[in-house]
């Protein structure tokens, strides 16, 4: 984990969490791979936020 500037992350329910921790991870999608910066929130499992969703615009099959 790396320390950076303190960031405020607003969750879907309006809760604000503050962190300065992040990690860089290589993520391999079926058609493309990318090295992405993930903000670490110890209180939460992995959350794909709006910046990620806007950039990659995944086609999610909610039935699987």
PDB file of N, CA and C in Angstrom:
ATOM      1  N   UNK A   1       0.841  -1.170   0.000  1.00  0.00           N
ATOM      2  CA  UNK A   1       0.000   0.000   0.000  1.00  0.00           C
ATOM      3  C   UNK A   1       0.890   1.238   0.000  1.00  0.00           C
ATOM      4  N   UNK A   2       0.392   2.265  -0.638  1.00  0.00           N
ATOM      5  CA  UNK A   2       1.112   3.523  -0.733  1.00  0.00           C
ATOM      6  C   UNK A   2       0.260   4.622  -0.115  1.00  0.00           C
ATOM      7  N   UNK A   3       0.920   5.582   0.500  1.00  0.00           N
ATOM      8  CA  UNK A   3       0.218   6.739   1.065  1.00  0.00           C
ATOM      9  C   UNK A   3       0.210   7.858   0.040  1.00  0.00           C
ATOM     10  N   UNK A   4      -0.904   8.546  -0.060  1.00  0.00           N
ATOM     11  CA  UNK A   4      -1.031   9.690  -0.956  1.00  0.00           C
ATOM     12  C   UNK A   4      -1.754  10.810  -0.230  1.00  0.00           C
ATOM     13  N   UNK A   5      -2.326  11.714  -0.999  1.00  0.00           N
ATOM     14  CA  UNK A   5      -3.129  12.786  -0.413  1.00  0.00           C
ATOM     15  C   UNK A   5      -4.411  12.183   0.155  1.00  0.00           C
ATOM     16  N   UNK A   6      -4.904  12.770   1.228  1.00  0.00           N
ATOM     17  CA  UNK A   6      -6.150  12.279   1.823  1.00  0.00           C
ATOM     18  C   UNK A   6      -7.296  12.511   0.849  1.00  0.00           C
ATOM     19  N   UNK A   7      -8.066  11.461   0.619  1.00  0.00           N
ATOM     20  CA  UNK A   7      -9.199  11.531  -0.296  1.00  0.00           C
ATOM     21  C   UNK A   7     -10.484  11.249   0.470  1.00  0.00           C
ATOM     22  N   UNK A   8     -11.541  11.932   0.107  1.00  0.00           N
ATOM     23  CA  UNK A   8     -12.862  11.677   0.658  1.00  0.00           C
ATOM     24  C   UNK A   8     -13.640  10.869  -0.384  1.00  0.00           C
ATOM     25  N   UNK A   9     -14.136   9.712   0.033  1.00  0.00           N
ATOM     26  CA  UNK A   9     -14.918   8.858  -0.854  1.00  0.00           C
ATOM     27  C   UNK A   9     -16.351   8.844  -0.336  1.00  0.00           C
ATOM     28  N   UNK A  10     -17.302   9.211  -1.183  1.00  0.00           N
ATOM     29  CA  UNK A  10     -18.709   9.207  -0.802  1.00  0.00           C
ATOM     30  C   UNK A  10     -19.359   7.928  -1.315  1.00  0.00           C
ATOM     31  N   UNK A  11     -19.897   7.136  -0.409  1.00  0.00           N
ATOM     32  CA  UNK A  11     -20.555   5.887  -0.778  1.00  0.00           C
ATOM     33  C   UNK A  11     -21.976   6.156  -1.273  1.00  0.00           C
ATOM     34  N   UNK A  12     -22.605   5.140  -1.844  1.00  0.00           N
ATOM     35  CA  UNK A  12     -23.946   5.288  -2.412  1.00  0.00           C
ATOM     36  C   UNK A  12     -24.975   5.745  -1.377  1.00  0.00           C
ATOM     37  N   UNK A  13     -24.769   5.370  -0.109  1.00  0.00           N
ATOM     38  CA  UNK A  13     -25.723   5.773   0.934  1.00  0.00           C
ATOM     39  C   UNK A  13     -25.420   7.155   1.511  1.00  0.00           C
ATOM     40  N   UNK A  14     -24.416   7.847   0.960  1.00  0.00           N
ATOM     41  CA  UNK A  14     -24.066   9.188   1.415  1.00  0.00           C
ATOM     42  C   UNK A  14     -22.968   9.229   2.467  1.00  0.00           C
ATOM     43  N   UNK A  15     -22.587   8.080   2.988  1.00  0.00           N
ATOM     44  CA  UNK A  15     -21.511   8.010   3.976  1.00  0.00           C
ATOM     45  C   UNK A  15     -20.204   8.482   3.348  1.00  0.00           C
ATOM     46  N   UNK A  16     -19.456   9.301   4.082  1.00  0.00           N
ATOM     47  CA  UNK A  16     -18.156   9.758   3.604  1.00  0.00           C
ATOM     48  C   UNK A  16     -17.054   9.048   4.372  1.00  0.00           C
ATOM     49  N   UNK A  17     -16.106   8.464   3.650  1.00  0.00           N
ATOM     50  CA  UNK A  17     -14.951   7.802   4.238  1.00  0.00           C
ATOM     51  C   UNK A  17     -13.700   8.516   3.758  1.00  0.00           C
ATOM     52  N   UNK A  18     -12.713   8.610   4.630  1.00  0.00           N
ATOM     53  CA  UNK A  18     -11.468   9.295   4.294  1.00  0.00           C
ATOM     54  C   UNK A  18     -10.319   8.296   4.324  1.00  0.00           C
ATOM     55  N   UNK A  19      -9.431   8.401   3.346  1.00  0.00           N
ATOM     56  CA  UNK A  19      -8.276   7.518   3.276  1.00  0.00           C
ATOM     57  C   UNK A  19      -7.158   8.196   2.498  1.00  0.00           C
ATOM     58  N   UNK A  20      -5.957   7.743   2.754  1.00  0.00           N
ATOM     59  CA  UNK A  20      -4.818   8.199   1.945  1.00  0.00           C
ATOM     60  C   UNK A  20      -4.098   7.002   1.347  1.00  0.00           C
ATOM     61  N   UNK A  21      -4.645   5.800   1.530  1.00  0.00           N
ATOM     62  CA  UNK A  21      -4.002   4.579   1.041  1.00  0.00           C
ATOM     63  C   UNK A  21      -4.504   4.200  -0.347  1.00  0.00           C
ATOM     64  N   UNK A  22      -3.583   3.733  -1.172  1.00  0.00           N
ATOM     65  CA  UNK A  22      -3.968   3.223  -2.481  1.00  0.00           C
ATOM     66  C   UNK A  22      -2.978   2.156  -2.935  1.00  0.00           C
ATOM     67  N   UNK A  23      -3.390   1.354  -3.896  1.00  0.00           N
ATOM     68  CA  UNK A  23      -2.535   0.337  -4.514  1.00  0.00           C
ATOM     69  C   UNK A  23      -2.722   0.400  -6.020  1.00  0.00           C
ATOM     70  N   UNK A  24      -1.679   0.041  -6.738  1.00  0.00           N
ATOM     71  CA  UNK A  24      -1.752  -0.105  -8.193  1.00  0.00           C
ATOM     72  C   UNK A  24      -1.890  -1.588  -8.491  1.00  0.00           C
ATOM     73  N   UNK A  25      -2.854  -1.963  -9.303  1.00  0.00           N
ATOM     74  CA  UNK A  25      -3.083  -3.368  -9.656  1.00  0.00           C
ATOM     75  C   UNK A  25      -3.278  -3.490 -11.164  1.00  0.00           C
ATOM     76  N   UNK A  26      -2.735  -4.567 -11.717  1.00  0.00           N
ATOM     77  CA  UNK A  26      -3.008  -4.860 -13.118  1.00  0.00           C
ATOM     78  C   UNK A  26      -4.306  -5.657 -13.160  1.00  0.00           C
ATOM     79  N   UNK A  27      -5.259  -5.181 -13.929  1.00  0.00           N
ATOM     80  CA  UNK A  27      -6.563  -5.833 -14.062  1.00  0.00           C
ATOM     81  C   UNK A  27      -6.692  -6.300 -15.505  1.00  0.00           C
ATOM     82  N   UNK A  28      -6.990  -7.586 -15.670  1.00  0.00           N
ATOM     83  CA  UNK A  28      -7.102  -8.174 -17.002  1.00  0.00           C
ATOM     84  C   UNK A  28      -8.563  -8.464 -17.308  1.00  0.00           C
ATOM     85  N   UNK A  29      -9.122  -7.681 -18.214  1.00  0.00           N
ATOM     86  CA  UNK A  29     -10.467  -7.936 -18.705  1.00  0.00           C
ATOM     87  C   UNK A  29     -10.320  -8.836 -19.926  1.00  0.00           C
ATOM     88  N   UNK A  30     -11.375  -9.429 -20.381  1.00  0.00           N
ATOM     89  CA  UNK A  30     -11.270 -10.382 -21.494  1.00  0.00           C
ATOM     90  C   UNK A  30     -10.641  -9.779 -22.737  1.00  0.00           C
ATOM     91  N   UNK A  31     -10.917  -8.524 -23.023  1.00  0.00           N
ATOM     92  CA  UNK A  31     -10.409  -7.927 -24.257  1.00  0.00           C
ATOM     93  C   UNK A  31      -9.321  -6.888 -24.040  1.00  0.00           C
ATOM     94  N   UNK A  32      -9.119  -6.450 -22.809  1.00  0.00           N
ATOM     95  CA  UNK A  32      -8.121  -5.417 -22.546  1.00  0.00           C
ATOM     96  C   UNK A  32      -7.629  -5.543 -21.107  1.00  0.00           C
ATOM     97  N   UNK A  33      -6.377  -5.193 -20.889  1.00  0.00           N
ATOM     98  CA  UNK A  33      -5.808  -5.153 -19.549  1.00  0.00           C
ATOM     99  C   UNK A  33      -5.360  -3.734 -19.250  1.00  0.00           C
ATOM    100  N   UNK A  34      -5.285  -3.407 -17.985  1.00  0.00           N
ATOM    101  CA  UNK A  34      -4.892  -2.055 -17.623  1.00  0.00           C
ATOM    102  C   UNK A  34      -4.357  -2.043 -16.202  1.00  0.00           C
ATOM    103  N   UNK A  35      -3.404  -1.170 -15.934  1.00  0.00           N
ATOM    104  CA  UNK A  35      -2.897  -0.959 -14.587  1.00  0.00           C
ATOM    105  C   UNK A  35      -3.720   0.169 -13.974  1.00  0.00           C
ATOM    106  N   UNK A  36      -4.411  -0.127 -12.882  1.00  0.00           N
ATOM    107  CA  UNK A  36      -5.342   0.831 -12.289  1.00  0.00           C
ATOM    108  C   UNK A  36      -4.965   1.147 -10.854  1.00  0.00           C
ATOM    109  N   UNK A  37      -5.254   2.365 -10.447  1.00  0.00           N
ATOM    110  CA  UNK A  37      -5.032   2.809  -9.069  1.00  0.00           C
ATOM    111  C   UNK A  37      -6.330   2.600  -8.297  1.00  0.00           C
ATOM    112  N   UNK A  38      -6.261   1.829  -7.219  1.00  0.00           N
ATOM    113  CA  UNK A  38      -7.421   1.567  -6.375  1.00  0.00           C
ATOM    114  C   UNK A  38      -7.236   2.232  -5.022  1.00  0.00           C
ATOM    115  N   UNK A  39      -8.222   2.990  -4.585  1.00  0.00           N
ATOM    116  CA  UNK A  39      -8.231   3.577  -3.257  1.00  0.00           C
ATOM    117  C   UNK A  39      -8.590   2.476  -2.269  1.00  0.00           C
ATOM    118  N   UNK A  40      -7.854   2.393  -1.175  1.00  0.00           N
ATOM    119  CA  UNK A  40      -8.081   1.349  -0.175  1.00  0.00           C
ATOM    120  C   UNK A  40      -8.995   1.887   0.924  1.00  0.00           C
ATOM    121  N   UNK A  41     -10.118   1.215   1.100  1.00  0.00           N
ATOM    122  CA  UNK A  41     -11.071   1.538   2.166  1.00  0.00           C
ATOM    123  C   UNK A  41     -11.209   0.299   3.041  1.00  0.00           C
ATOM    124  N   UNK A  42     -10.507   0.251   4.184  1.00  0.00           N
ATOM    125  CA  UNK A  42     -10.525  -0.955   5.021  1.00  0.00           C
ATOM    126  C   UNK A  42     -11.928  -1.374   5.460  1.00  0.00           C
ATOM    127  N   UNK A  43     -12.866  -0.436   5.509  1.00  0.00           N
ATOM    128  CA  UNK A  43     -14.220  -0.739   5.967  1.00  0.00           C
ATOM    129  C   UNK A  43     -15.078  -1.378   4.877  1.00  0.00           C
ATOM    130  N   UNK A  44     -14.586  -1.430   3.640  1.00  0.00           N
ATOM    131  CA  UNK A  44     -15.429  -1.854   2.515  1.00  0.00           C
ATOM    132  C   UNK A  44     -14.754  -2.937   1.683  1.00  0.00           C
ATOM    133  N   UNK A  45     -15.568  -3.812   1.093  1.00  0.00           N
ATOM    134  CA  UNK A  45     -15.022  -4.710   0.076  1.00  0.00           C
ATOM    135  C   UNK A  45     -14.724  -3.884  -1.181  1.00  0.00           C
ATOM    136  N   UNK A  46     -14.256  -4.520  -2.199  1.00  0.00           N
ATOM    137  CA  UNK A  46     -13.956  -3.816  -3.444  1.00  0.00           C
ATOM    138  C   UNK A  46     -15.214  -3.154  -4.003  1.00  0.00           C
ATOM    139  N   UNK A  47     -15.088  -1.875  -4.328  1.00  0.00           N
ATOM    140  CA  UNK A  47     -16.191  -1.113  -4.923  1.00  0.00           C
ATOM    141  C   UNK A  47     -15.697  -0.548  -6.241  1.00  0.00           C
ATOM    142  N   UNK A  48     -16.411  -0.823  -7.316  1.00  0.00           N
ATOM    143  CA  UNK A  48     -16.073  -0.221  -8.606  1.00  0.00           C
ATOM    144  C   UNK A  48     -16.847   1.083  -8.690  1.00  0.00           C
ATOM    145  N   UNK A  49     -16.141   2.187  -8.516  1.00  0.00           N
ATOM    146  CA  UNK A  49     -16.779   3.493  -8.471  1.00  0.00           C
ATOM    147  C   UNK A  49     -17.074   4.060  -9.842  1.00  0.00           C
ATOM    148  N   UNK A  50     -17.696   5.226  -9.841  1.00  0.00           N
ATOM    149  CA  UNK A  50     -18.096   5.886 -11.082  1.00  0.00           C
ATOM    150  C   UNK A  50     -16.921   6.174 -12.017  1.00  0.00           C
ATOM    151  N   UNK A  51     -15.748   6.603 -11.541  1.00  0.00           N
ATOM    152  CA  UNK A  51     -14.640   6.818 -12.486  1.00  0.00           C
ATOM    153  C   UNK A  51     -14.300   5.542 -13.264  1.00  0.00           C
ATOM    154  N   UNK A  52     -14.270   4.401 -12.565  1.00  0.00           N
ATOM    155  CA  UNK A  52     -13.993   3.130 -13.233  1.00  0.00           C
ATOM    156  C   UNK A  52     -15.105   2.789 -14.228  1.00  0.00           C
ATOM    157  N   UNK A  53     -16.353   2.884 -13.784  1.00  0.00           N
ATOM    158  CA  UNK A  53     -17.482   2.522 -14.636  1.00  0.00           C
ATOM    159  C   UNK A  53     -17.571   3.419 -15.873  1.00  0.00           C
ATOM    160  N   UNK A  54     -17.278   4.711 -15.707  1.00  0.00           N
ATOM    161  CA  UNK A  54     -17.305   5.615 -16.864  1.00  0.00           C
ATOM    162  C   UNK A  54     -16.184   5.306 -17.844  1.00  0.00           C
ATOM    163  N   UNK A  55     -14.994   4.973 -17.330  1.00  0.00           N
ATOM    164  CA  UNK A  55     -13.864   4.699 -18.213  1.00  0.00           C
ATOM    165  C   UNK A  55     -14.029   3.389 -18.969  1.00  0.00           C
ATOM    166  N   UNK A  56     -14.463   2.325 -18.275  1.00  0.00           N
ATOM    167  CA  UNK A  56     -14.510   1.000 -18.900  1.00  0.00           C
ATOM    168  C   UNK A  56     -15.891   0.598 -19.391  1.00  0.00           C
ATOM    169  N   UNK A  57     -16.940   1.243 -18.894  1.00  0.00           N
ATOM    170  CA  UNK A  57     -18.311   0.983 -19.334  1.00  0.00           C
ATOM    171  C   UNK A  57     -18.578  -0.516 -19.498  1.00  0.00           C
ATOM    172  N   UNK A  58     -18.438  -1.287 -18.407  1.00  0.00           N
ATOM    173  CA  UNK A  58     -18.573  -2.737 -18.530  1.00  0.00           C
ATOM    174  C   UNK A  58     -19.997  -3.178 -18.859  1.00  0.00           C
ATOM    175  N   UNK A  59     -20.077  -4.258 -19.597  1.00  0.00           N
ATOM    176  CA  UNK A  59     -21.349  -4.890 -19.908  1.00  0.00           C
ATOM    177  C   UNK A  59     -21.557  -5.978 -18.876  1.00  0.00           C
ATOM    178  N   UNK A  60     -22.377  -5.735 -17.853  1.00  0.00           N
ATOM    179  CA  UNK A  60     -22.539  -6.639 -16.733  1.00  0.00           C
ATOM    180  C   UNK A  60     -23.798  -7.475 -16.910  1.00  0.00           C
ATOM    181  N   UNK A  61     -23.638  -8.806 -16.806  1.00  0.00           N
ATOM    182  CA  UNK A  61     -24.765  -9.709 -16.857  1.00  0.00           C
ATOM    183  C   UNK A  61     -25.140 -10.021 -15.416  1.00  0.00           C
ATOM    184  N   UNK A  62     -26.178  -9.409 -14.880  1.00  0.00           N
ATOM    185  CA  UNK A  62     -26.555  -9.557 -13.494  1.00  0.00           C
ATOM    186  C   UNK A  62     -27.175 -10.925 -13.203  1.00  0.00           C
ATOM    187  N   UNK A  63     -27.451 -11.722 -14.224  1.00  0.00           N
ATOM    188  CA  UNK A  63     -28.039 -13.040 -14.037  1.00  0.00           C
ATOM    189  C   UNK A  63     -26.989 -14.112 -13.710  1.00  0.00           C
ATOM    190  N   UNK A  64     -25.721 -13.853 -14.005  1.00  0.00           N
ATOM    191  CA  UNK A  64     -24.661 -14.859 -13.757  1.00  0.00           C
ATOM    192  C   UNK A  64     -24.017 -14.650 -12.418  1.00  0.00           C
TER     193      UNK A  64
END
